[in-house]
């Protein structure tokens, strides 16, 4: 059976989200921007911003892991926008694009560590 494409990205999510706040640098072309995350899963991140990029925008993300001098770097694709209605934080949901096995391992380890601290 195929996926139900009438459901939102949120409803189709394969990985659980974890409330994890990280400082995230991201780049689109020559634009370097800074934000923070409100949640993280093994395959994506939500960045809080009043100026989200359009759906389909490709970004390069970089976020530090406490106690590790080597930040996680991964490409992402904006898959949904939250305009901040109904009291939610405005921002953009980003799916990681073809993360390496090492990046997946490091994101999983970050989630295991940070999810217990929240």
N, C-alpha and C. Protein backbone atom coordinates (compact mmCIF):
# COMPACT_ATOMS: atom_id res chain seq x y z
N UNK A 1 0.83 -1.18 0.00
CA UNK A 1 0.00 0.00 0.00
C UNK A 1 0.88 1.24 0.00
N UNK A 2 0.51 2.22 -0.74
CA UNK A 2 1.24 3.48 -0.77
C UNK A 2 0.80 4.39 0.35
N UNK A 3 1.51 5.45 0.52
CA UNK A 3 1.16 6.43 1.55
C UNK A 3 -0.07 7.21 1.13
N UNK A 4 -0.79 7.67 2.11
CA UNK A 4 -1.96 8.53 1.87
C UNK A 4 -1.45 9.94 1.69
N UNK A 5 -1.39 10.42 0.45
CA UNK A 5 -0.82 11.73 0.16
C UNK A 5 -1.74 12.87 0.52
N UNK A 6 -2.95 12.58 1.01
CA UNK A 6 -3.84 13.65 1.45
C UNK A 6 -3.51 14.06 2.88
N UNK A 7 -2.76 13.23 3.58
CA UNK A 7 -2.38 13.58 4.94
C UNK A 7 -1.21 14.54 4.92
N UNK A 8 -1.08 15.34 5.96
CA UNK A 8 0.01 16.31 6.02
C UNK A 8 1.33 15.59 6.31
N UNK A 9 2.43 16.31 6.10
CA UNK A 9 3.74 15.77 6.42
C UNK A 9 3.79 15.36 7.89
N UNK A 10 3.19 16.17 8.76
CA UNK A 10 3.17 15.88 10.19
C UNK A 10 2.53 14.52 10.45
N UNK A 11 1.42 14.23 9.78
CA UNK A 11 0.70 12.98 10.01
C UNK A 11 1.45 11.78 9.42
N UNK A 12 2.27 12.00 8.40
CA UNK A 12 2.99 10.93 7.75
C UNK A 12 4.36 10.67 8.36
N UNK A 13 4.74 11.44 9.36
CA UNK A 13 6.07 11.35 9.96
C UNK A 13 6.38 9.92 10.39
N UNK A 14 7.54 9.40 9.99
CA UNK A 14 7.95 8.05 10.36
C UNK A 14 8.73 8.03 11.67
N UNK A 15 9.37 9.12 12.03
CA UNK A 15 10.21 9.19 13.22
C UNK A 15 9.59 10.12 14.25
N UNK A 16 9.61 9.74 15.52
CA UNK A 16 9.05 10.63 16.55
C UNK A 16 9.89 11.89 16.73
N UNK A 17 9.21 13.00 17.04
CA UNK A 17 9.89 14.25 17.32
C UNK A 17 10.22 14.33 18.81
N UNK A 18 11.33 14.97 19.10
CA UNK A 18 11.75 15.18 20.48
C UNK A 18 11.97 16.67 20.69
N UNK A 19 11.47 17.19 21.80
CA UNK A 19 11.65 18.61 22.10
C UNK A 19 13.11 18.82 22.47
N UNK A 20 13.85 19.35 21.52
CA UNK A 20 15.28 19.59 21.70
C UNK A 20 15.60 20.96 21.15
N UNK A 21 16.19 21.79 21.98
CA UNK A 21 16.54 23.15 21.58
C UNK A 21 18.04 23.22 21.30
N UNK A 22 18.35 23.54 20.06
CA UNK A 22 19.73 23.65 19.61
C UNK A 22 19.91 24.96 18.86
N UNK A 23 21.09 25.53 18.92
CA UNK A 23 21.44 26.65 18.06
C UNK A 23 21.84 26.06 16.72
N UNK A 24 21.23 26.58 15.65
CA UNK A 24 21.46 26.02 14.32
C UNK A 24 21.86 27.14 13.36
N UNK A 25 22.97 26.94 12.67
CA UNK A 25 23.36 27.81 11.57
C UNK A 25 22.90 27.14 10.30
N UNK A 26 22.39 27.92 9.37
CA UNK A 26 22.01 27.33 8.10
C UNK A 26 22.32 28.28 6.97
N UNK A 27 22.50 27.67 5.80
CA UNK A 27 22.91 28.45 4.63
C UNK A 27 22.03 28.09 3.45
N UNK A 28 21.65 29.13 2.73
CA UNK A 28 20.94 28.97 1.46
C UNK A 28 21.65 29.88 0.47
N UNK A 29 22.37 29.28 -0.47
CA UNK A 29 23.16 30.08 -1.40
C UNK A 29 24.21 30.86 -0.65
N UNK A 30 24.22 32.18 -0.83
CA UNK A 30 25.18 33.04 -0.15
C UNK A 30 24.63 33.61 1.15
N UNK A 31 23.42 33.21 1.55
CA UNK A 31 22.81 33.70 2.78
C UNK A 31 23.12 32.77 3.94
N UNK A 32 23.74 33.32 4.97
CA UNK A 32 24.04 32.57 6.18
C UNK A 32 23.10 33.07 7.27
N UNK A 33 22.36 32.15 7.89
CA UNK A 33 21.35 32.52 8.86
C UNK A 33 21.53 31.71 10.14
N UNK A 34 20.87 32.17 11.19
CA UNK A 34 20.97 31.54 12.50
C UNK A 34 19.57 31.38 13.06
N UNK A 35 19.31 30.25 13.71
CA UNK A 35 18.02 30.02 14.33
C UNK A 35 18.22 29.06 15.49
N UNK A 36 17.12 28.63 16.06
CA UNK A 36 17.16 27.58 17.07
C UNK A 36 16.11 26.55 16.70
N UNK A 37 16.33 25.35 17.14
CA UNK A 37 15.36 24.30 16.87
C UNK A 37 14.35 24.25 18.01
N UNK A 38 13.16 23.75 17.71
CA UNK A 38 12.20 23.48 18.78
C UNK A 38 12.02 21.98 18.92
N UNK A 39 12.33 21.23 17.86
CA UNK A 39 12.29 19.78 17.98
C UNK A 39 13.18 19.14 16.92
N UNK A 40 13.49 17.87 17.18
CA UNK A 40 14.42 17.14 16.33
C UNK A 40 13.95 15.69 16.25
N UNK A 41 14.07 15.10 15.07
CA UNK A 41 13.85 13.67 14.91
C UNK A 41 15.08 13.12 14.19
N UNK A 42 15.10 11.83 13.98
CA UNK A 42 16.24 11.23 13.29
C UNK A 42 16.34 11.69 11.85
N UNK A 43 15.24 12.17 11.28
CA UNK A 43 15.27 12.55 9.87
C UNK A 43 14.89 14.00 9.60
N UNK A 44 14.78 14.82 10.65
CA UNK A 44 14.43 16.21 10.39
C UNK A 44 14.48 17.07 11.63
N UNK A 45 14.24 18.37 11.41
CA UNK A 45 14.34 19.36 12.47
C UNK A 45 13.33 20.47 12.19
N UNK A 46 12.83 21.10 13.24
CA UNK A 46 11.98 22.28 13.07
C UNK A 46 12.78 23.48 13.55
N UNK A 47 12.93 24.49 12.68
CA UNK A 47 13.65 25.71 13.03
C UNK A 47 12.66 26.83 13.27
N UNK A 48 12.80 27.51 14.38
CA UNK A 48 11.95 28.63 14.74
C UNK A 48 12.49 29.88 14.03
N UNK A 49 11.63 30.52 13.24
CA UNK A 49 12.01 31.74 12.53
C UNK A 49 10.76 32.49 12.09
N UNK A 50 10.85 33.81 12.12
CA UNK A 50 9.77 34.64 11.61
C UNK A 50 9.82 34.76 10.10
N UNK A 51 10.93 34.32 9.50
CA UNK A 51 11.13 34.43 8.05
C UNK A 51 11.49 33.08 7.45
N UNK A 52 10.55 32.13 7.44
CA UNK A 52 10.89 30.81 6.89
C UNK A 52 11.12 30.86 5.39
N UNK A 53 11.93 29.96 4.91
CA UNK A 53 12.16 29.79 3.48
C UNK A 53 10.93 29.11 2.88
N UNK A 54 10.80 29.16 1.58
CA UNK A 54 9.68 28.51 0.89
C UNK A 54 9.84 27.00 0.91
N UNK A 55 8.69 26.30 0.84
CA UNK A 55 8.73 24.85 0.69
C UNK A 55 9.58 24.51 -0.52
N UNK A 56 10.37 23.45 -0.38
CA UNK A 56 11.22 23.02 -1.49
C UNK A 56 12.60 23.64 -1.48
N UNK A 57 12.85 24.60 -0.59
CA UNK A 57 14.17 25.24 -0.51
C UNK A 57 15.17 24.27 0.11
N UNK A 58 16.32 24.15 -0.52
CA UNK A 58 17.40 23.32 0.02
C UNK A 58 18.31 24.17 0.88
N UNK A 59 18.69 23.63 2.02
CA UNK A 59 19.54 24.34 2.98
C UNK A 59 20.70 23.45 3.40
N UNK A 60 21.74 24.08 3.87
CA UNK A 60 22.83 23.36 4.52
C UNK A 60 22.77 23.73 5.99
N UNK A 61 22.63 22.74 6.85
CA UNK A 61 22.46 22.95 8.28
C UNK A 61 23.73 22.56 9.03
N UNK A 62 23.94 23.26 10.13
CA UNK A 62 25.09 22.97 10.98
C UNK A 62 24.69 23.24 12.42
N UNK A 63 24.83 22.23 13.28
CA UNK A 63 24.53 22.44 14.69
C UNK A 63 25.52 21.69 15.56
N UNK A 64 25.86 22.35 16.65
CA UNK A 64 26.89 21.83 17.55
C UNK A 64 26.30 20.80 18.50
N UNK A 65 27.15 19.89 18.89
CA UNK A 65 26.82 18.90 19.88
C UNK A 65 27.67 19.21 21.10
N UNK A 66 27.02 19.38 22.24
CA UNK A 66 27.75 19.74 23.45
C UNK A 66 28.84 18.71 23.75
N UNK A 67 30.03 19.19 24.02
CA UNK A 67 31.15 18.32 24.33
C UNK A 67 31.85 17.74 23.11
N UNK A 68 31.45 18.17 21.92
CA UNK A 68 32.05 17.67 20.68
C UNK A 68 32.43 18.87 19.83
N UNK A 69 33.70 18.97 19.46
CA UNK A 69 34.17 20.11 18.67
C UNK A 69 33.79 20.00 17.20
N UNK A 70 33.23 18.88 16.79
CA UNK A 70 32.88 18.65 15.40
C UNK A 70 31.36 18.76 15.24
N UNK A 71 30.84 19.89 14.71
CA UNK A 71 29.38 20.04 14.58
C UNK A 71 28.81 19.06 13.55
N UNK A 72 27.52 18.77 13.71
CA UNK A 72 26.81 17.96 12.72
C UNK A 72 26.48 18.86 11.54
N UNK A 73 26.80 18.40 10.34
CA UNK A 73 26.49 19.13 9.11
C UNK A 73 25.66 18.22 8.24
N UNK A 74 24.52 18.75 7.76
CA UNK A 74 23.62 17.94 6.95
C UNK A 74 22.82 18.83 6.02
N UNK A 75 22.49 18.32 4.84
CA UNK A 75 21.62 19.06 3.93
C UNK A 75 20.17 18.80 4.32
N UNK A 76 19.34 19.81 4.08
CA UNK A 76 17.93 19.68 4.41
C UNK A 76 17.05 20.30 3.35
N UNK A 77 15.78 19.92 3.39
CA UNK A 77 14.78 20.43 2.46
C UNK A 77 13.59 20.92 3.27
N UNK A 78 13.18 22.17 3.03
CA UNK A 78 12.01 22.71 3.72
C UNK A 78 10.78 21.98 3.20
N UNK A 79 10.06 21.31 4.11
CA UNK A 79 8.91 20.51 3.69
C UNK A 79 7.58 21.08 4.20
N UNK A 80 7.62 21.94 5.20
CA UNK A 80 6.38 22.59 5.65
C UNK A 80 6.71 23.86 6.42
N UNK A 81 5.73 24.75 6.45
CA UNK A 81 5.87 26.05 7.10
C UNK A 81 4.78 26.17 8.16
N UNK A 82 5.14 26.73 9.30
CA UNK A 82 4.15 27.08 10.34
C UNK A 82 4.23 28.59 10.50
N UNK A 83 3.14 29.28 10.22
CA UNK A 83 3.12 30.74 10.29
C UNK A 83 2.92 31.26 11.71
N UNK A 84 2.83 30.35 12.68
CA UNK A 84 2.70 30.76 14.07
C UNK A 84 1.28 31.03 14.50
N UNK A 85 0.32 30.51 13.78
CA UNK A 85 -1.08 30.67 14.16
C UNK A 85 -1.38 29.78 15.37
N UNK A 86 -2.43 30.10 16.06
CA UNK A 86 -2.89 29.29 17.20
C UNK A 86 -1.84 29.15 18.29
N UNK A 87 -0.97 30.13 18.45
CA UNK A 87 -0.01 30.14 19.54
C UNK A 87 1.23 29.30 19.31
N UNK A 88 1.37 28.67 18.17
CA UNK A 88 2.58 27.90 17.90
C UNK A 88 3.70 28.84 17.47
N UNK A 89 4.93 28.35 17.56
CA UNK A 89 6.06 29.16 17.14
C UNK A 89 6.16 29.12 15.62
N UNK A 90 6.41 30.27 14.99
CA UNK A 90 6.56 30.26 13.53
C UNK A 90 7.89 29.63 13.14
N UNK A 91 7.89 29.00 11.98
CA UNK A 91 9.14 28.42 11.52
C UNK A 91 8.93 27.47 10.37
N UNK A 92 9.92 26.58 10.19
CA UNK A 92 9.89 25.68 9.06
C UNK A 92 10.36 24.29 9.47
N UNK A 93 9.64 23.30 8.96
CA UNK A 93 10.01 21.90 9.14
C UNK A 93 10.95 21.49 8.03
N UNK A 94 12.06 20.90 8.40
CA UNK A 94 13.10 20.54 7.44
C UNK A 94 13.38 19.05 7.53
N UNK A 95 13.34 18.39 6.38
CA UNK A 95 13.70 16.97 6.30
C UNK A 95 15.16 16.88 5.89
N UNK A 96 15.92 16.06 6.60
CA UNK A 96 17.31 15.84 6.21
C UNK A 96 17.35 15.11 4.88
N UNK A 97 18.27 15.52 4.01
CA UNK A 97 18.40 14.93 2.68
C UNK A 97 19.64 14.05 2.63
N UNK A 98 19.44 12.77 2.43
CA UNK A 98 20.52 11.79 2.27
C UNK A 98 21.62 11.94 3.32
N UNK A 99 21.26 11.92 4.62
CA UNK A 99 22.32 12.02 5.62
C UNK A 99 23.21 10.78 5.58
N UNK A 100 24.48 10.97 5.83
CA UNK A 100 25.41 9.84 5.86
C UNK A 100 25.08 8.97 7.08
N UNK A 101 25.58 7.74 7.06
CA UNK A 101 25.37 6.85 8.20
C UNK A 101 25.96 7.46 9.47
N UNK A 102 27.10 8.12 9.34
CA UNK A 102 27.73 8.77 10.49
C UNK A 102 26.85 9.89 11.03
N UNK A 103 26.27 10.69 10.14
CA UNK A 103 25.38 11.77 10.57
C UNK A 103 24.15 11.19 11.27
N UNK A 104 23.57 10.14 10.72
CA UNK A 104 22.42 9.49 11.36
C UNK A 104 22.79 9.02 12.77
N UNK A 105 23.95 8.39 12.88
CA UNK A 105 24.40 7.89 14.19
C UNK A 105 24.55 9.03 15.18
N UNK A 106 25.14 10.13 14.74
CA UNK A 106 25.36 11.27 15.63
C UNK A 106 24.05 11.94 16.03
N UNK A 107 23.10 12.03 15.10
CA UNK A 107 21.79 12.63 15.43
C UNK A 107 21.07 11.74 16.44
N UNK A 108 21.10 10.42 16.24
CA UNK A 108 20.47 9.50 17.19
C UNK A 108 21.09 9.64 18.57
N UNK A 109 22.42 9.73 18.63
CA UNK A 109 23.11 9.89 19.91
C UNK A 109 22.72 11.21 20.56
N UNK A 110 22.61 12.27 19.77
CA UNK A 110 22.21 13.58 20.29
C UNK A 110 20.80 13.50 20.87
N UNK A 111 19.89 12.85 20.15
CA UNK A 111 18.52 12.71 20.65
C UNK A 111 18.51 11.93 21.95
N UNK A 112 19.23 10.82 22.00
CA UNK A 112 19.27 10.01 23.24
C UNK A 112 19.77 10.85 24.41
N UNK A 113 20.79 11.65 24.18
CA UNK A 113 21.36 12.47 25.25
C UNK A 113 20.43 13.61 25.64
N UNK A 114 19.97 14.38 24.66
CA UNK A 114 19.19 15.59 24.94
C UNK A 114 17.76 15.30 25.37
N UNK A 115 17.15 14.25 24.87
CA UNK A 115 15.75 13.95 25.22
C UNK A 115 15.63 13.65 26.70
N UNK A 116 16.66 13.09 27.30
CA UNK A 116 16.62 12.79 28.73
C UNK A 116 16.83 14.03 29.59
N UNK A 117 17.40 15.09 29.01
CA UNK A 117 17.65 16.30 29.77
C UNK A 117 16.44 17.24 29.80
N UNK A 118 15.50 17.07 28.87
CA UNK A 118 14.32 17.96 28.79
C UNK A 118 13.36 17.66 29.90
